């Protein structure tokens, strides 16, 4: 089951993205997620998703093809911070057959909820890609390759 308690999603998310001023959007946890009435509902969502998939993993992807179910899930997911959003996407990837289709359906459409989900996923993807491109190890390797290419060793 995807554990949606704040402590667990933040612990899961922290190795993926250490908090800094530059990466504050989307925030790991949004203010709405911290409201006392919302926390138990998020736990219930994780339990329900687990129960649905536990009975038959093909049920959830099929249910998301139904516009009503998709709209309701989009409404909830659009309000999640980066930690729970990525935890849900990761859970889909591990648990569901055809998870790419599930995430695509979750982010599809012209509604403001679908746009919010796409925007958050895009921001997280771009940030991660840039961080990997300019990681110190990668830059050091590139520098080493450039030095070899511009100053080749001569054979004796």
N, C-alpha and C. Protein backbone atom coordinates (compact mmCIF):
# COMPACT_ATOMS: atom_id res chain seq x y z
N UNK A 1 0.85 -1.18 0.00
CA UNK A 1 0.00 0.00 0.00
C UNK A 1 0.88 1.23 0.00
N UNK A 2 0.52 2.24 -0.78
CA UNK A 2 1.28 3.47 -0.68
C UNK A 2 0.99 4.13 0.67
N UNK A 3 2.01 4.30 1.49
CA UNK A 3 1.82 4.91 2.79
C UNK A 3 1.87 6.42 2.61
N UNK A 4 0.74 7.07 2.82
CA UNK A 4 0.64 8.50 2.57
C UNK A 4 0.76 9.35 3.82
N UNK A 5 1.22 8.78 4.94
CA UNK A 5 1.42 9.62 6.11
C UNK A 5 2.55 10.60 5.79
N UNK A 6 2.45 11.80 6.34
CA UNK A 6 3.44 12.83 6.03
C UNK A 6 4.86 12.40 6.36
N UNK A 7 5.05 11.80 7.50
CA UNK A 7 6.40 11.38 7.90
C UNK A 7 6.98 10.38 6.91
N UNK A 8 6.18 9.42 6.48
CA UNK A 8 6.67 8.39 5.57
C UNK A 8 6.94 8.92 4.16
N UNK A 9 6.05 9.77 3.64
CA UNK A 9 6.30 10.28 2.28
C UNK A 9 7.47 11.24 2.26
N UNK A 10 7.65 12.02 3.32
CA UNK A 10 8.80 12.93 3.38
C UNK A 10 10.10 12.13 3.51
N UNK A 11 10.08 11.07 4.33
CA UNK A 11 11.26 10.21 4.46
C UNK A 11 11.58 9.52 3.13
N UNK A 12 10.56 9.09 2.41
CA UNK A 12 10.75 8.45 1.11
C UNK A 12 11.28 9.47 0.10
N UNK A 13 10.78 10.69 0.16
CA UNK A 13 11.08 11.73 -0.83
C UNK A 13 12.43 12.41 -0.60
N UNK A 14 12.86 12.53 0.64
CA UNK A 14 14.08 13.28 0.96
C UNK A 14 15.31 12.83 0.18
N UNK A 15 15.58 11.53 0.04
CA UNK A 15 16.75 11.15 -0.76
C UNK A 15 16.63 11.56 -2.23
N UNK A 16 15.39 11.71 -2.72
CA UNK A 16 15.20 12.09 -4.11
C UNK A 16 15.47 13.58 -4.32
N UNK A 17 15.10 14.38 -3.32
CA UNK A 17 15.26 15.83 -3.47
C UNK A 17 15.46 16.46 -2.11
N UNK A 18 16.69 16.82 -1.83
CA UNK A 18 16.96 17.51 -0.58
C UNK A 18 16.36 18.91 -0.66
N UNK A 19 15.76 19.40 0.41
CA UNK A 19 15.11 20.71 0.36
C UNK A 19 16.12 21.85 0.23
N UNK A 20 15.88 22.73 -0.72
CA UNK A 20 16.66 23.96 -0.89
C UNK A 20 15.71 25.06 -1.33
N UNK A 21 16.20 26.27 -1.34
CA UNK A 21 15.36 27.38 -1.79
C UNK A 21 15.03 27.26 -3.27
N UNK A 22 15.96 26.72 -4.05
CA UNK A 22 15.76 26.64 -5.50
C UNK A 22 14.68 25.65 -5.90
N UNK A 23 14.44 24.64 -5.09
CA UNK A 23 13.47 23.63 -5.52
C UNK A 23 12.25 23.60 -4.62
N UNK A 24 11.68 24.75 -4.41
CA UNK A 24 10.55 24.82 -3.50
C UNK A 24 9.20 24.58 -4.19
N UNK A 25 9.18 24.46 -5.52
CA UNK A 25 7.93 24.17 -6.20
C UNK A 25 8.08 22.96 -7.09
N UNK A 26 7.17 22.07 -7.07
CA UNK A 26 6.10 21.99 -6.08
C UNK A 26 6.67 21.59 -4.74
N UNK A 27 6.07 22.12 -3.68
CA UNK A 27 6.59 21.78 -2.35
C UNK A 27 6.41 20.29 -2.06
N UNK A 28 7.24 19.77 -1.19
CA UNK A 28 7.11 18.35 -0.83
C UNK A 28 5.73 18.08 -0.25
N UNK A 29 5.28 18.93 0.63
CA UNK A 29 3.96 18.82 1.25
C UNK A 29 3.26 20.16 1.10
N UNK A 30 2.04 20.15 0.60
CA UNK A 30 1.27 21.39 0.46
C UNK A 30 0.49 21.66 1.75
N UNK A 31 0.16 22.91 2.00
CA UNK A 31 -0.58 23.25 3.24
C UNK A 31 -1.88 22.47 3.40
N UNK A 32 -2.59 22.22 2.32
CA UNK A 32 -3.86 21.50 2.44
C UNK A 32 -3.66 20.09 2.98
N UNK A 33 -2.50 19.49 2.71
CA UNK A 33 -2.22 18.14 3.19
C UNK A 33 -2.01 18.10 4.69
N UNK A 34 -1.70 19.24 5.27
CA UNK A 34 -1.42 19.29 6.71
C UNK A 34 -2.67 19.57 7.54
N UNK A 35 -3.79 19.82 6.91
CA UNK A 35 -5.01 20.08 7.66
C UNK A 35 -5.46 18.80 8.36
N UNK A 36 -5.89 18.92 9.64
CA UNK A 36 -6.23 17.73 10.43
C UNK A 36 -7.27 16.81 9.78
N UNK A 37 -8.21 17.37 9.05
CA UNK A 37 -9.24 16.54 8.43
C UNK A 37 -8.72 15.79 7.21
N UNK A 38 -7.62 16.26 6.62
CA UNK A 38 -7.13 15.68 5.37
C UNK A 38 -6.23 14.48 5.60
N UNK A 39 -5.39 14.52 6.63
CA UNK A 39 -4.41 13.45 6.87
C UNK A 39 -5.05 12.06 6.93
N UNK A 40 -6.13 11.86 7.69
CA UNK A 40 -6.74 10.52 7.71
C UNK A 40 -7.32 10.12 6.35
N UNK A 41 -7.79 11.11 5.59
CA UNK A 41 -8.34 10.80 4.27
C UNK A 41 -7.25 10.31 3.32
N UNK A 42 -6.07 10.88 3.43
CA UNK A 42 -4.95 10.43 2.58
C UNK A 42 -4.54 9.01 2.95
N UNK A 43 -4.57 8.69 4.24
CA UNK A 43 -4.31 7.32 4.67
C UNK A 43 -5.34 6.36 4.11
N UNK A 44 -6.59 6.78 4.12
CA UNK A 44 -7.67 5.97 3.57
C UNK A 44 -7.49 5.78 2.06
N UNK A 45 -7.05 6.82 1.37
CA UNK A 45 -6.80 6.70 -0.06
C UNK A 45 -5.76 5.62 -0.33
N UNK A 46 -4.66 5.64 0.42
CA UNK A 46 -3.63 4.62 0.25
C UNK A 46 -4.17 3.22 0.50
N UNK A 47 -4.97 3.07 1.54
CA UNK A 47 -5.57 1.77 1.86
C UNK A 47 -6.51 1.31 0.76
N UNK A 48 -7.35 2.21 0.26
CA UNK A 48 -8.30 1.86 -0.80
C UNK A 48 -7.58 1.46 -2.08
N UNK A 49 -6.55 2.21 -2.44
CA UNK A 49 -5.79 1.86 -3.64
C UNK A 49 -5.18 0.46 -3.50
N UNK A 50 -4.65 0.20 -2.33
CA UNK A 50 -4.03 -1.10 -2.08
C UNK A 50 -5.07 -2.22 -2.15
N UNK A 51 -6.24 -1.99 -1.58
CA UNK A 51 -7.30 -3.01 -1.61
C UNK A 51 -7.79 -3.26 -3.02
N UNK A 52 -7.94 -2.20 -3.81
CA UNK A 52 -8.40 -2.35 -5.19
C UNK A 52 -7.40 -3.18 -5.98
N UNK A 53 -6.14 -2.83 -5.87
CA UNK A 53 -5.11 -3.53 -6.62
C UNK A 53 -4.89 -4.93 -6.07
N UNK A 54 -5.08 -5.10 -4.76
CA UNK A 54 -4.91 -6.42 -4.15
C UNK A 54 -5.88 -7.44 -4.68
N UNK A 55 -7.08 -7.01 -4.99
CA UNK A 55 -8.07 -7.95 -5.50
C UNK A 55 -7.83 -8.27 -6.97
N UNK A 56 -7.47 -7.27 -7.75
CA UNK A 56 -7.19 -7.48 -9.18
C UNK A 56 -6.47 -6.24 -9.70
N UNK A 57 -5.19 -6.39 -10.03
CA UNK A 57 -4.36 -5.25 -10.42
C UNK A 57 -4.86 -4.56 -11.69
N UNK A 58 -5.65 -5.24 -12.49
CA UNK A 58 -6.15 -4.61 -13.72
C UNK A 58 -7.36 -3.71 -13.48
N UNK A 59 -7.93 -3.76 -12.27
CA UNK A 59 -9.13 -2.99 -11.97
C UNK A 59 -8.86 -1.48 -12.00
N UNK A 60 -7.76 -1.05 -11.40
CA UNK A 60 -7.49 0.39 -11.31
C UNK A 60 -7.26 1.01 -12.69
N UNK A 61 -6.39 0.44 -13.53
CA UNK A 61 -6.26 1.03 -14.86
C UNK A 61 -7.58 1.09 -15.62
N UNK A 62 -8.38 0.03 -15.49
CA UNK A 62 -9.69 0.02 -16.15
C UNK A 62 -10.61 1.09 -15.57
N UNK A 63 -10.58 1.27 -14.25
CA UNK A 63 -11.42 2.27 -13.60
C UNK A 63 -11.03 3.67 -14.04
N UNK A 64 -9.74 3.89 -14.28
CA UNK A 64 -9.30 5.22 -14.70
C UNK A 64 -9.75 5.56 -16.12
N UNK A 65 -10.15 4.58 -16.86
CA UNK A 65 -10.70 4.85 -18.19
C UNK A 65 -12.09 5.47 -18.06
N UNK A 66 -12.74 5.23 -16.92
CA UNK A 66 -14.04 5.82 -16.64
C UNK A 66 -13.83 7.28 -16.24
N UNK A 67 -14.49 8.19 -16.92
CA UNK A 67 -14.30 9.61 -16.67
C UNK A 67 -14.59 10.05 -15.25
N UNK A 68 -15.60 9.50 -14.61
CA UNK A 68 -15.96 9.90 -13.26
C UNK A 68 -14.88 9.56 -12.24
N UNK A 69 -14.36 8.35 -12.31
CA UNK A 69 -13.31 7.92 -11.40
C UNK A 69 -12.05 8.74 -11.64
N UNK A 70 -11.73 8.92 -12.91
CA UNK A 70 -10.54 9.70 -13.26
C UNK A 70 -10.65 11.13 -12.75
N UNK A 71 -11.81 11.75 -12.93
CA UNK A 71 -12.00 13.12 -12.46
C UNK A 71 -11.82 13.23 -10.95
N UNK A 72 -12.37 12.26 -10.22
CA UNK A 72 -12.25 12.29 -8.76
C UNK A 72 -10.80 12.12 -8.31
N UNK A 73 -10.10 11.17 -8.94
CA UNK A 73 -8.70 10.95 -8.57
C UNK A 73 -7.85 12.16 -8.96
N UNK A 74 -8.11 12.76 -10.11
CA UNK A 74 -7.38 13.96 -10.51
C UNK A 74 -7.59 15.09 -9.52
N UNK A 75 -8.80 15.23 -9.03
CA UNK A 75 -9.11 16.29 -8.06
C UNK A 75 -8.25 16.14 -6.81
N UNK A 76 -8.08 14.92 -6.35
CA UNK A 76 -7.28 14.67 -5.15
C UNK A 76 -5.79 14.84 -5.46
N UNK A 77 -5.32 14.19 -6.51
CA UNK A 77 -3.88 14.18 -6.83
C UNK A 77 -3.38 15.58 -7.17
N UNK A 78 -4.19 16.40 -7.80
CA UNK A 78 -3.77 17.76 -8.17
C UNK A 78 -3.44 18.60 -6.94
N UNK A 79 -3.96 18.22 -5.79
CA UNK A 79 -3.72 18.99 -4.57
C UNK A 79 -2.55 18.45 -3.75
N UNK A 80 -1.95 17.36 -4.20
CA UNK A 80 -0.84 16.75 -3.46
C UNK A 80 0.47 17.48 -3.74
N UNK A 81 1.32 17.49 -2.75
CA UNK A 81 2.67 18.00 -2.93
C UNK A 81 3.51 16.99 -3.66
N UNK A 82 4.75 17.37 -3.94
CA UNK A 82 5.65 16.52 -4.72
C UNK A 82 5.90 15.17 -4.06
N UNK A 83 6.00 15.12 -2.74
CA UNK A 83 6.31 13.86 -2.07
C UNK A 83 5.22 12.82 -2.30
N UNK A 84 3.99 13.17 -2.08
CA UNK A 84 2.90 12.19 -2.27
C UNK A 84 2.65 11.93 -3.75
N UNK A 85 2.78 12.94 -4.58
CA UNK A 85 2.58 12.75 -6.02
C UNK A 85 3.59 11.73 -6.56
N UNK A 86 4.87 11.93 -6.26
CA UNK A 86 5.87 10.99 -6.75
C UNK A 86 5.76 9.62 -6.07
N UNK A 87 5.34 9.60 -4.82
CA UNK A 87 5.14 8.31 -4.13
C UNK A 87 4.04 7.53 -4.83
N UNK A 88 2.98 8.22 -5.24
CA UNK A 88 1.88 7.56 -5.94
C UNK A 88 2.35 7.05 -7.31
N UNK A 89 3.08 7.88 -8.05
CA UNK A 89 3.59 7.46 -9.35
C UNK A 89 4.52 6.26 -9.19
N UNK A 90 5.38 6.30 -8.18
CA UNK A 90 6.28 5.17 -7.92
C UNK A 90 5.49 3.92 -7.58
N UNK A 91 4.46 4.06 -6.77
CA UNK A 91 3.63 2.92 -6.39
C UNK A 91 2.94 2.33 -7.63
N UNK A 92 2.44 3.20 -8.50
CA UNK A 92 1.85 2.72 -9.76
C UNK A 92 2.87 1.91 -10.54
N UNK A 93 4.10 2.42 -10.64
CA UNK A 93 5.15 1.76 -11.42
C UNK A 93 5.47 0.37 -10.87
N UNK A 94 5.48 0.24 -9.57
CA UNK A 94 5.83 -1.04 -8.93
C UNK A 94 4.65 -2.02 -8.95
N UNK A 95 3.46 -1.50 -8.85
CA UNK A 95 2.29 -2.34 -8.58
C UNK A 95 1.43 -2.67 -9.80
N UNK A 96 1.29 -1.71 -10.70
CA UNK A 96 0.29 -1.88 -11.76
C UNK A 96 0.87 -2.30 -13.10
N UNK A 97 0.16 -3.18 -13.78
CA UNK A 97 0.54 -3.44 -15.17
C UNK A 97 0.11 -2.23 -16.00
N UNK A 98 0.92 -1.82 -16.93
CA UNK A 98 0.57 -0.68 -17.76
C UNK A 98 0.57 0.63 -17.01
N UNK A 99 1.48 0.77 -16.04
CA UNK A 99 1.49 1.96 -15.19
C UNK A 99 1.69 3.25 -15.99
N UNK A 100 2.40 3.19 -17.10
CA UNK A 100 2.61 4.39 -17.90
C UNK A 100 1.27 4.92 -18.38
N UNK A 101 0.39 4.03 -18.77
CA UNK A 101 -0.94 4.42 -19.22
C UNK A 101 -1.73 5.05 -18.07
N UNK A 102 -1.57 4.51 -16.87
CA UNK A 102 -2.28 5.06 -15.70
C UNK A 102 -1.84 6.49 -15.44
N UNK A 103 -0.54 6.72 -15.40
CA UNK A 103 -0.02 8.07 -15.15
C UNK A 103 -0.43 9.00 -16.28
N UNK A 104 -0.39 8.53 -17.51
CA UNK A 104 -0.80 9.35 -18.66
C UNK A 104 -2.27 9.75 -18.53
N UNK A 105 -3.13 8.81 -18.12
CA UNK A 105 -4.55 9.14 -17.95
C UNK A 105 -4.76 10.11 -16.80
N UNK A 106 -3.97 9.94 -15.77
CA UNK A 106 -4.09 10.82 -14.61
C UNK A 106 -3.76 12.27 -14.98
N UNK A 107 -2.82 12.44 -15.90
CA UNK A 107 -2.38 13.78 -16.28
C UNK A 107 -3.03 14.27 -17.57
N UNK A 108 -3.97 13.50 -18.12
CA UNK A 108 -4.56 13.90 -19.41
C UNK A 108 -5.78 14.80 -19.20
N UNK A 109 -6.06 15.56 -20.21
CA UNK A 109 -7.25 16.39 -20.19
C UNK A 109 -6.92 17.87 -20.11
N UNK A 110 -7.95 18.67 -20.25
CA UNK A 110 -7.78 20.11 -20.23
C UNK A 110 -8.24 20.75 -18.92
N UNK A 111 -8.65 19.92 -17.99
CA UNK A 111 -9.13 20.47 -16.72
C UNK A 111 -7.97 21.10 -15.96
N UNK A 112 -8.30 21.98 -15.04
CA UNK A 112 -7.24 22.61 -14.24
C UNK A 112 -6.52 21.58 -13.38
N UNK A 113 -7.21 20.53 -12.96
CA UNK A 113 -6.57 19.47 -12.18
C UNK A 113 -5.54 18.72 -13.01
N UNK A 114 -5.89 18.35 -14.22
CA UNK A 114 -4.95 17.65 -15.09
C UNK A 114 -3.75 18.54 -15.41
N UNK A 115 -4.01 19.82 -15.64
CA UNK A 115 -2.93 20.76 -15.92
C UNK A 115 -2.00 20.91 -14.72
N UNK A 116 -2.56 20.91 -13.52
CA UNK A 116 -1.74 21.03 -12.30
C UNK A 116 -0.85 19.80 -12.13
N UNK A 117 -1.40 18.62 -12.40
CA UNK A 117 -0.62 17.38 -12.30
C UNK A 117 0.51 17.39 -13.33
N UNK A 118 0.19 17.74 -14.57
CA UNK A 118 1.22 17.80 -15.61
C UNK A 118 2.30 18.81 -15.27
N UNK A 119 1.88 19.94 -14.78
CA UNK A 119 2.84 21.00 -14.43
C UNK A 119 3.78 20.55 -13.32
N UNK A 120 3.24 19.91 -12.30
CA UNK A 120 4.07 19.42 -11.19
C UNK A 120 5.03 18.34 -11.67
N UNK A 121 4.53 17.39 -12.46
CA UNK A 121 5.41 16.33 -12.97
C UNK A 121 6.49 16.89 -13.89
N UNK A 122 6.12 17.86 -14.71
CA UNK A 122 7.09 18.48 -15.60
C UNK A 122 8.17 19.21 -14.80
N UNK A 123 7.78 19.96 -13.80
CA UNK A 123 8.76 20.69 -12.98
C UNK A 123 9.71 19.73 -12.28
N UNK A 124 9.18 18.65 -11.74
CA UNK A 124 10.02 17.67 -11.06
C UNK A 124 10.95 16.95 -12.04
N UNK A 125 10.45 16.64 -13.21
CA UNK A 125 11.26 15.96 -14.22
C UNK A 125 12.38 16.86 -14.72
N UNK A 126 12.06 18.10 -15.02
CA UNK A 126 13.08 19.04 -15.50
C UNK A 126 14.15 19.23 -14.45
N UNK A 127 13.74 19.43 -13.21
CA UNK A 127 14.71 19.65 -12.13
C UNK A 127 15.62 18.44 -11.97
N UNK A 128 15.06 17.25 -12.02
CA UNK A 128 15.86 16.03 -11.87
C UNK A 128 16.81 15.86 -13.05
N UNK A 129 16.34 16.13 -14.24
CA UNK A 129 17.18 16.00 -15.43
C UNK A 129 18.36 16.97 -15.37
N UNK A 130 18.09 18.20 -15.01
CA UNK A 130 19.17 19.18 -14.92
C UNK A 130 20.16 18.80 -13.82
N UNK A 131 19.65 18.34 -12.70
CA UNK A 131 20.54 17.93 -11.60
C UNK A 131 21.44 16.78 -12.04
N UNK A 132 20.89 15.82 -12.78
CA UNK A 132 21.71 14.70 -13.26
C UNK A 132 22.71 15.15 -14.32
N UNK A 133 22.29 16.05 -15.20
CA UNK A 133 23.19 16.52 -16.26
C UNK A 133 24.41 17.24 -15.69
N UNK A 134 24.18 18.01 -14.64
CA UNK A 134 25.26 18.83 -14.09
C UNK A 134 25.77 18.31 -12.76
N UNK A 135 25.60 17.03 -12.52
CA UNK A 135 26.12 16.46 -11.28
C UNK A 135 27.64 16.57 -11.30
N UNK A 136 28.27 16.77 -10.15
CA UNK A 136 29.73 16.91 -10.11
C UNK A 136 30.47 15.73 -10.75
N UNK A 137 30.00 14.51 -10.54
CA UNK A 137 30.66 13.34 -11.13
C UNK A 137 30.60 13.39 -12.66
N UNK A 138 29.45 13.75 -13.16
CA UNK A 138 29.28 13.80 -14.62
C UNK A 138 30.12 14.90 -15.24
N UNK A 139 30.16 16.06 -14.60
CA UNK A 139 30.98 17.17 -15.10
C UNK A 139 32.46 16.79 -15.06
N UNK A 140 32.89 16.11 -14.00
CA UNK A 140 34.28 15.67 -13.90
C UNK A 140 34.62 14.68 -15.02
N UNK A 141 33.72 13.76 -15.32
CA UNK A 141 33.94 12.82 -16.42
C UNK A 141 34.04 13.54 -17.75
N UNK A 142 33.14 14.50 -17.96
CA UNK A 142 33.15 15.27 -19.20
C UNK A 142 34.46 16.05 -19.34
N UNK A 143 34.90 16.65 -18.25
CA UNK A 143 36.17 17.38 -18.26
C UNK A 143 37.32 16.45 -18.62
N UNK A 144 37.34 15.27 -18.03
CA UNK A 144 38.39 14.29 -18.31
C UNK A 144 38.38 13.89 -19.78
N UNK A 145 37.20 13.63 -20.32
CA UNK A 145 37.09 13.25 -21.74
C UNK A 145 37.54 14.39 -22.64
N UNK A 146 37.18 15.61 -22.29
CA UNK A 146 37.58 16.77 -23.09
C UNK A 146 39.09 16.95 -23.07
N UNK A 147 39.70 16.74 -21.93
CA UNK A 147 41.16 16.87 -21.83
C UNK A 147 41.85 15.82 -22.69
N UNK A 148 41.36 14.60 -22.66
CA UNK A 148 41.95 13.53 -23.47
C UNK A 148 41.76 13.84 -24.95
N UNK A 149 40.60 14.33 -25.31
CA UNK A 149 40.31 14.63 -26.72
C UNK A 149 41.15 15.79 -27.24
N UNK A 150 41.41 16.78 -26.40
CA UNK A 150 42.18 17.94 -26.86
C UNK A 150 43.69 17.78 -26.66
N UNK A 151 44.11 16.90 -25.79
CA UNK A 151 45.53 16.65 -25.53
C UNK A 151 45.80 15.15 -25.55
N UNK A 152 45.68 14.52 -26.71
CA UNK A 152 45.89 13.06 -26.75
C UNK A 152 47.32 12.71 -26.40
N UNK A 153 47.46 11.59 -25.75
CA UNK A 153 48.79 11.09 -25.43
C UNK A 153 49.40 10.53 -26.70
N UNK A 154 50.66 10.83 -26.91
CA UNK A 154 51.32 10.32 -28.10
C UNK A 154 51.92 8.95 -27.82
N UNK A 155 51.85 8.08 -28.80
CA UNK A 155 52.46 6.76 -28.67
C UNK A 155 53.97 6.91 -28.69
N UNK A 156 54.72 6.17 -27.82
CA UNK A 156 56.19 6.27 -27.82
C UNK A 156 56.83 5.68 -29.04
